[in-house]
């Protein structure tokens, strides 16, 4: 091979390797078309799933290596030697087999599914005219910054750096692939303005309030249900709530105030207590409520209703929330149906054993194997 042909071959191999790395990175985002993943960012409890688990990152990195080794070469080079020592030649196929063994069949099947989904999404996105603009990416970055309570893009950048990633990595490997899925999903599930208005009315106080609803409540905390039932009987017999709270509540933080907890909004109390308190009307008292911190009797003494914007002012946010919820509930079923329509079949699923269980190349040595109150939240 002359020098020019060799250079051209190297250029093609480098391009194929780069495409393989991008494909694997995107596959990691397609694996779960749910909330965006932000490495090592402290998240609110309701969004704790939106983090990148370290082993997932490691799996993707190893997978990228496999595809760069195997796919990122010209045809017939799987047997190309990549290492030598006395009496031993290690080939690209040996490395693939070893990683395949260490992955296990289920992970390899999942990886293949994700890569296939990535390709299918790319093809269908082009066919549907789906494009992701710089403004789309900026809006998503702004949403993430807001969701995680960050002050600026610099905070997000620093959080990513601490996890060994860059903002560009995050955009290209997470945000853009996820936006493609979301936009393609939207194109296949059109929504009318009347449907969005109905969604807004149903969720306006919980999702679209500029100032959320707050309740002011007092409580009496007991350690056992029997104690709580006895105190409830006294209250129903006419005993004063504040007096009994001072005498019998086992919450040291509120008993001296007659059980008064002040005003609180959604997400400030543990979930069992919050659900019960927000269901009460002003002046109403609960039965015994079992929550994470014990057994409560709750009395709501005041309510500040939510302040909600008009629909037209938050229409864009309503549409985004509608599709995110729809994708969370229907996305996996849609993706499965989408792949079925493409006549997708994972051929590795039909194999009784991994290819790695086959005898290794005669030239490969065994040494080539790897060593292997309620408290406010």
Foldseek 3Di string as FASTA:
>chain_A
DDPVVVVVQVVQLVVQLVVLLLLLLQLLQVLDLADFAAAPFDAAPVPVVRHDDVVSVVLSVVSSVLCSLPVSHDPPQQQPFDDDDVLFTDGNVNSNLQVDVVCDLVNVLSSVVSSVLSVLLVVVCVVVVNDQDPVNLVVVLVVVCVRRVHDDSVVSQVSQVVVVHGPVSSCSRTVVSSVSLLVSVCVVPPDDPVRLVVLCVVCQQPQFFPFHKKFKKFKAFDADPVVLQVVVVVVVVPDDQLVCLLVHGPPVVCNVVSRTPGIDGPQFFFDQVVVQQVVDDAQDWDRWTQGPVHTMIMHTHDMDHTHGDDCVVCVVVSVVVVSSVCCNVCVVVVSVVSCVVVVDDSVSVVDPDDPSVDDDDPNHDPVVRDPPSRGTD
